[in-house]
Protein backbone atom coordinates (compact mmCIF):
# COMPACT_ATOMS: atom_id res chain seq x y z
CA MET A 1 -14.33 10.97 -19.36
CA SER A 2 -10.94 9.34 -18.79
CA ALA A 3 -10.39 5.76 -19.87
CA THR A 4 -10.18 2.70 -17.70
CA PRO A 5 -6.50 1.87 -17.11
CA ARG A 6 -5.15 -1.38 -18.49
CA SER A 7 -5.14 -4.23 -16.00
CA ARG A 8 -3.78 -7.77 -15.91
CA ALA A 9 -5.90 -10.40 -14.18
CA THR A 10 -4.69 -13.89 -13.30
CA ASP A 11 -6.56 -16.72 -11.56
CA THR A 12 -4.48 -19.81 -10.81
CA GLY A 13 -7.22 -21.63 -8.90
CA THR A 14 -5.33 -20.87 -5.70
CA ALA A 15 -6.01 -17.15 -5.84
CA ALA A 16 -7.20 -14.42 -8.20
CA VAL A 17 -5.27 -11.17 -8.63
CA GLU A 18 -5.65 -8.05 -10.78
CA VAL A 19 -2.89 -5.45 -11.24
CA LEU A 20 -3.11 -2.12 -13.07
CA ASP A 21 -0.23 -1.06 -15.32
CA GLU A 22 -0.89 2.48 -14.11
CA GLY A 23 0.79 2.69 -10.73
CA ALA A 24 1.52 -1.08 -10.75
CA LEU A 25 -1.39 -1.07 -8.33
CA VAL A 26 -2.69 -4.39 -7.04
CA LEU A 27 -6.39 -3.66 -7.39
CA ARG A 28 -7.91 -6.99 -6.37
CA TRP A 29 -6.74 -10.14 -4.63
CA ALA A 30 -8.62 -13.05 -3.08
CA PRO A 31 -7.58 -16.63 -2.28
CA ALA A 32 -9.94 -19.26 -3.67
CA GLY A 33 -13.21 -19.42 -1.73
CA ARG A 34 -12.52 -16.14 0.12
CA ASP A 35 -14.21 -12.76 -0.02
CA PRO A 36 -12.15 -9.98 -1.66
CA VAL A 37 -9.30 -8.91 0.61
CA LEU A 38 -8.62 -5.48 -0.88
CA PHE A 39 -11.06 -2.57 -0.87
CA VAL A 40 -12.38 -1.11 -4.12
CA HIS A 41 -15.42 1.18 -4.16
CA PRO A 42 -18.33 -0.95 -5.37
CA GLU A 43 -19.79 1.76 -7.64
CA VAL A 44 -17.10 4.34 -8.54
CA PRO A 45 -14.97 3.08 -11.46
CA VAL A 46 -11.19 3.33 -11.55
CA ARG A 47 -10.08 5.86 -14.20
CA SER A 48 -6.72 6.70 -15.77
CA GLY A 49 -4.92 9.74 -14.43
CA ARG A 50 -6.55 9.51 -11.00
CA PRO A 51 -4.77 7.22 -8.52
CA PRO A 52 -7.57 5.33 -6.76
CA HIS A 53 -8.18 5.01 -3.03
CA ALA A 54 -8.19 1.24 -3.43
CA GLY A 55 -6.01 -1.85 -3.62
CA VAL A 56 -2.33 -1.35 -2.79
CA PRO A 57 -0.96 1.95 -4.12
CA VAL A 58 2.84 2.32 -4.36
CA CYS A 59 3.89 5.53 -2.57
CA TRP A 60 7.39 6.40 -3.84
CA PRO A 61 9.92 8.12 -3.62
CA TRP A 62 8.36 10.02 -0.76
CA PHE A 63 5.53 9.39 1.67
CA GLY A 64 2.96 12.07 2.37
CA ALA A 65 3.35 15.64 1.17
CA GLY A 66 5.91 16.29 -1.53
CA PRO A 67 9.30 17.86 -0.76
CA GLN A 68 8.49 21.02 -2.73
CA PRO A 69 5.34 22.92 -3.74
CA GLY A 70 3.43 21.24 -6.52
CA ALA A 71 5.00 17.82 -5.99
CA PRO A 72 2.30 15.13 -5.90
CA SER A 73 1.30 13.66 -2.56
CA HIS A 74 2.86 10.22 -1.99
CA GLY A 75 5.24 10.58 -4.94
CA PHE A 76 5.02 10.03 -8.68
CA ALA A 77 5.22 6.23 -8.97
CA ARG A 78 1.54 5.71 -8.14
CA SER A 79 0.40 7.70 -11.18
CA ALA A 80 3.06 6.52 -13.65
CA THR A 81 2.50 3.77 -16.20
CA TRP A 82 4.90 0.96 -15.32
CA ARG A 83 6.42 -1.50 -17.74
CA HIS A 84 4.99 -4.99 -17.32
CA LEU A 85 7.96 -7.34 -17.70
CA ALA A 86 6.34 -10.76 -17.28
CA THR A 87 3.62 -12.84 -15.69
CA THR A 88 4.59 -16.36 -14.65
CA THR A 89 2.64 -19.11 -12.93
CA GLU A 90 3.89 -22.17 -11.12
CA GLY A 91 2.16 -24.50 -8.67
CA GLY A 92 -0.88 -22.29 -8.24
CA VAL A 93 1.20 -19.17 -7.64
CA ALA A 94 1.28 -16.24 -10.08
CA THR A 95 4.02 -13.59 -10.16
CA LEU A 96 3.67 -10.32 -12.04
CA ALA A 97 6.85 -8.27 -12.54
CA TYR A 98 6.87 -4.52 -13.20
CA ARG A 99 9.63 -1.91 -13.66
CA LEU A 100 9.96 1.87 -13.61
CA THR A 101 13.06 3.94 -14.55
CA PRO A 102 13.76 7.58 -15.51
CA ASP A 103 13.00 6.56 -19.10
CA ASP A 104 9.39 6.20 -17.88
CA VAL A 105 9.02 9.06 -15.41
CA THR A 106 11.07 11.68 -13.55
CA HIS A 107 10.24 14.62 -11.30
CA PRO A 108 12.27 17.72 -10.36
CA ALA A 109 11.57 17.05 -6.69
CA TRP A 110 13.57 13.79 -6.95
CA PRO A 111 16.08 14.17 -9.83
CA HIS A 112 17.99 10.93 -9.24
CA PRO A 113 18.83 7.94 -11.44
CA TYR A 114 16.97 4.86 -10.27
CA ARG A 115 15.49 1.49 -11.13
CA LEU A 116 12.30 0.52 -9.35
CA ASP A 117 11.05 -3.08 -9.52
CA LEU A 118 7.82 -4.48 -8.12
CA ALA A 119 7.10 -8.21 -7.95
CA VAL A 120 3.53 -9.19 -7.06
CA THR A 121 3.19 -12.81 -5.95
CA SER A 122 -0.35 -14.17 -5.62
CA GLY A 123 -1.06 -17.49 -3.97
CA GLU A 124 -2.52 -18.46 -0.60
CA ASP A 125 -0.75 -15.28 0.57
CA LEU A 126 -0.17 -12.01 -1.27
CA GLU A 127 3.39 -10.67 -1.37
CA LEU A 128 4.63 -7.39 -2.83
CA SER A 129 8.36 -6.80 -3.11
CA LEU A 130 9.37 -3.24 -4.00
CA ARG A 131 13.08 -2.90 -4.84
CA THR A 132 14.78 0.47 -5.33
CA THR A 133 18.21 0.40 -6.98
CA ASN A 134 20.31 3.56 -6.89
CA THR A 135 21.88 3.65 -10.36
CA GLY A 136 23.54 7.02 -9.74
CA ASP A 137 26.85 8.01 -8.14
CA ALA A 138 25.52 9.74 -4.99
CA PRO A 139 23.44 8.53 -2.02
CA VAL A 140 19.69 9.18 -2.15
CA SER A 141 17.12 9.60 0.62
CA LEU A 142 14.02 7.50 0.02
CA GLY A 143 10.54 7.61 1.53
CA GLU A 144 8.00 4.98 0.53
CA ALA A 145 4.98 2.92 1.48
CA LEU A 146 2.85 0.06 0.27
CA HIS A 147 -0.49 1.66 1.14
CA ALA A 148 -2.81 -1.36 1.42
CA TYR A 149 -6.57 -0.79 1.65
CA LEU A 150 -7.79 -3.87 3.54
CA ALA A 151 -11.45 -4.74 3.04
CA VAL A 152 -13.40 -5.17 6.29
CA GLY A 153 -17.03 -5.70 7.19
CA ASP A 154 -17.21 -2.55 9.33
CA VAL A 155 -14.13 -0.60 10.40
CA ARG A 156 -15.92 0.43 13.61
CA GLN A 157 -15.94 -3.21 14.72
CA VAL A 158 -12.41 -4.33 13.86
CA THR A 159 -9.54 -4.69 16.32
CA VAL A 160 -5.98 -3.97 15.20
CA ARG A 161 -3.41 -5.92 17.18
CA GLY A 162 0.39 -5.86 17.32
CA LEU A 163 1.05 -2.17 17.93
CA ASP A 164 1.27 -2.22 21.74
CA GLY A 165 4.33 -0.34 22.97
CA ALA A 166 5.14 1.30 19.64
CA PRO A 167 6.06 5.00 19.48
CA VAL A 168 3.30 6.71 17.51
CA HIS A 169 2.74 10.00 15.75
CA ASP A 170 -0.93 10.94 15.39
CA LYS A 171 -1.24 13.03 12.21
CA VAL A 172 -4.82 14.04 13.08
CA THR A 173 -3.95 15.62 16.44
CA GLY A 174 -0.24 16.28 15.83
CA ARG A 175 0.66 14.47 19.05
CA ASP A 176 3.43 11.96 19.72
CA GLY A 177 3.26 9.20 22.28
CA VAL A 178 3.49 5.47 22.91
CA HIS A 179 0.57 3.30 21.89
CA GLU A 180 -0.88 1.01 24.55
CA GLY A 181 -2.94 -2.13 23.93
CA ASP A 182 -5.01 -2.93 20.87
CA LEU A 183 -6.29 -0.29 18.47
CA VAL A 184 -10.04 0.21 18.00
CA LEU A 185 -10.94 2.94 15.52
CA THR A 186 -13.57 5.41 16.72
CA GLY A 187 -13.04 8.35 14.35
CA GLU A 188 -10.71 9.73 11.69
CA THR A 189 -7.44 7.84 12.09
CA ASP A 190 -4.02 8.62 10.58
CA ARG A 191 -1.23 7.28 12.75
CA VAL A 192 2.39 6.38 12.03
CA PHE A 193 3.70 3.67 14.36
CA ARG A 194 7.48 3.27 14.57
CA THR A 195 7.57 -0.51 14.61
CA ASP A 196 8.33 -3.41 12.29
CA ALA A 197 6.01 -5.79 14.13
CA ALA A 198 3.39 -8.01 12.55
CA VAL A 199 -0.07 -6.43 12.62
CA THR A 200 -3.39 -8.29 12.60
CA VAL A 201 -6.83 -6.97 11.79
CA GLU A 202 -9.55 -9.01 13.48
CA ASP A 203 -12.86 -8.62 11.65
CA PRO A 204 -15.87 -10.16 13.42
CA VAL A 205 -18.28 -9.10 10.66
CA LEU A 206 -16.48 -11.07 7.94
CA GLY A 207 -15.26 -13.68 10.43
CA ARG A 208 -11.62 -13.43 9.46
CA ARG A 209 -8.23 -12.18 10.52
CA LEU A 210 -5.90 -10.32 8.12
CA VAL A 211 -2.24 -10.72 9.04
CA VAL A 212 0.26 -8.14 7.77
CA THR A 213 4.00 -8.71 7.95
CA ALA A 214 6.72 -6.67 6.28
CA GLU A 215 10.46 -6.39 5.90
CA GLY A 216 12.55 -3.34 5.07
CA ALA A 217 9.95 -0.96 6.55
CA GLY A 218 10.45 0.81 9.87
CA ASP A 219 6.87 2.05 10.19
CA ARG A 220 3.30 0.81 10.15
CA VAL A 221 0.59 3.30 9.20
CA VAL A 222 -3.11 2.91 10.05
CA TRP A 223 -5.57 5.16 8.20
CA ASN A 224 -9.28 5.66 7.69
CA PRO A 225 -10.81 9.07 6.84
CA TRP A 226 -14.16 8.43 8.61
CA ALA A 227 -17.41 9.95 7.47
CA ASP A 228 -16.71 13.67 7.14
CA LYS A 229 -13.40 13.45 5.31
CA GLY A 230 -14.51 10.36 3.38
CA ALA A 231 -17.44 12.33 1.97
CA GLY A 232 -14.95 14.57 0.18
CA ILE A 233 -13.18 11.66 -1.55
CA ASP A 234 -15.27 10.54 -4.50
CA ASP A 235 -14.06 6.93 -4.56
CA VAL A 236 -14.51 6.57 -0.79
CA GLY A 237 -17.71 8.48 0.02
CA ASP A 238 -20.12 6.52 2.17
CA ALA A 239 -18.09 3.32 1.62
CA TRP A 240 -15.56 4.41 4.27
CA PRO A 241 -16.64 1.74 6.81
CA GLY A 242 -15.51 -0.94 4.34
CA PHE A 243 -11.76 -0.61 4.77
CA VAL A 244 -8.83 0.08 7.02
CA CYS A 245 -5.42 0.90 5.61
CA VAL A 246 -2.53 -0.95 7.23
CA GLU A 247 0.60 0.18 5.46
CA ALA A 248 4.29 -0.72 5.58
CA ALA A 249 6.28 2.49 5.23
CA ASN A 250 9.54 4.31 5.59
CA ALA A 251 8.15 7.73 6.47
CA ALA A 252 10.03 10.79 7.65
CA PRO A 253 12.05 10.69 9.86
CA ASP A 254 12.54 7.02 8.95
CA ALA A 255 13.40 7.54 5.28
CA VAL A 256 16.20 5.23 4.15
CA ILE A 257 19.51 6.17 2.54
CA VAL A 258 20.41 4.10 -0.51
CA ALA A 259 24.10 4.18 -1.46
CA PRO A 260 25.25 4.25 -5.10
CA GLY A 261 24.82 0.81 -6.65
CA ASP A 262 22.83 -0.52 -3.69
CA THR A 263 19.28 -1.85 -3.63
CA HIS A 264 16.73 -1.34 -0.87
CA ALA A 265 13.84 -3.82 -0.66
CA LEU A 266 10.48 -3.32 1.02
CA THR A 267 8.38 -6.48 1.22
CA TYR A 268 4.72 -6.60 2.28
CA ARG A 269 2.88 -9.86 2.97
CA LEU A 270 -0.81 -10.41 3.58
CA ARG A 271 -2.47 -13.59 4.83
CA VAL A 272 -6.12 -14.43 5.55
CA GLU A 273 -7.12 -16.61 8.51
CA ASP A 274 -10.48 -17.63 9.92
CA LEU A 275 -11.44 -16.26 13.31
């Protein structure tokens, strides 16, 4: 049996956060007095070498299927062990800094020099800032996502707002269109919305609203596998009603070009409000 990956937990009194070194994955976060905001299966443990369907995985340097056969889905950063640079606290806010470079991990599907930094800031809000620096001498094309699993009381009862009017690609049906109104999930959902708008998840079961804002990301992705597909994912299983993924992404065809010496930043923010 594989080992439990190393994690770093910090509770400032304002909020509690736990981050895994493997994948620099924010596994848990909750402001003081609040229910957990990120989904983790209540019974299936997180194990090394198996990126979990939980928390906020870092999908990088591509989103979705790899660019060549055998390349891991959603890139190699989510399964790499990142270097923890520092944890600092000030005024009830904790910041955990992580870094990944070719000294840590490379892949033939993306053979480029790089420096990848993730800063996780935990306070009344959660903020993740993912910064890609092109340390090479040629432009690179970058796909990425912060793939947040948001904990909800029952995904069948939530309402996702903020996507009205956005062009959308439905990966389940293969269709393209323009989304109208609010989104209520009624079955397997995997949709890429071409928008940078704020998105809110209204959850009447838990009596709260989760507000997602992001910068440096041209897409919002909403995903839940539903019962049939969830049954085939061991750390989802029958817990699938307990989350909805609302991701900030730069997915094809919205991958970004990073020039030599430049840095691209993707920032994801999450806030909890009462209904």
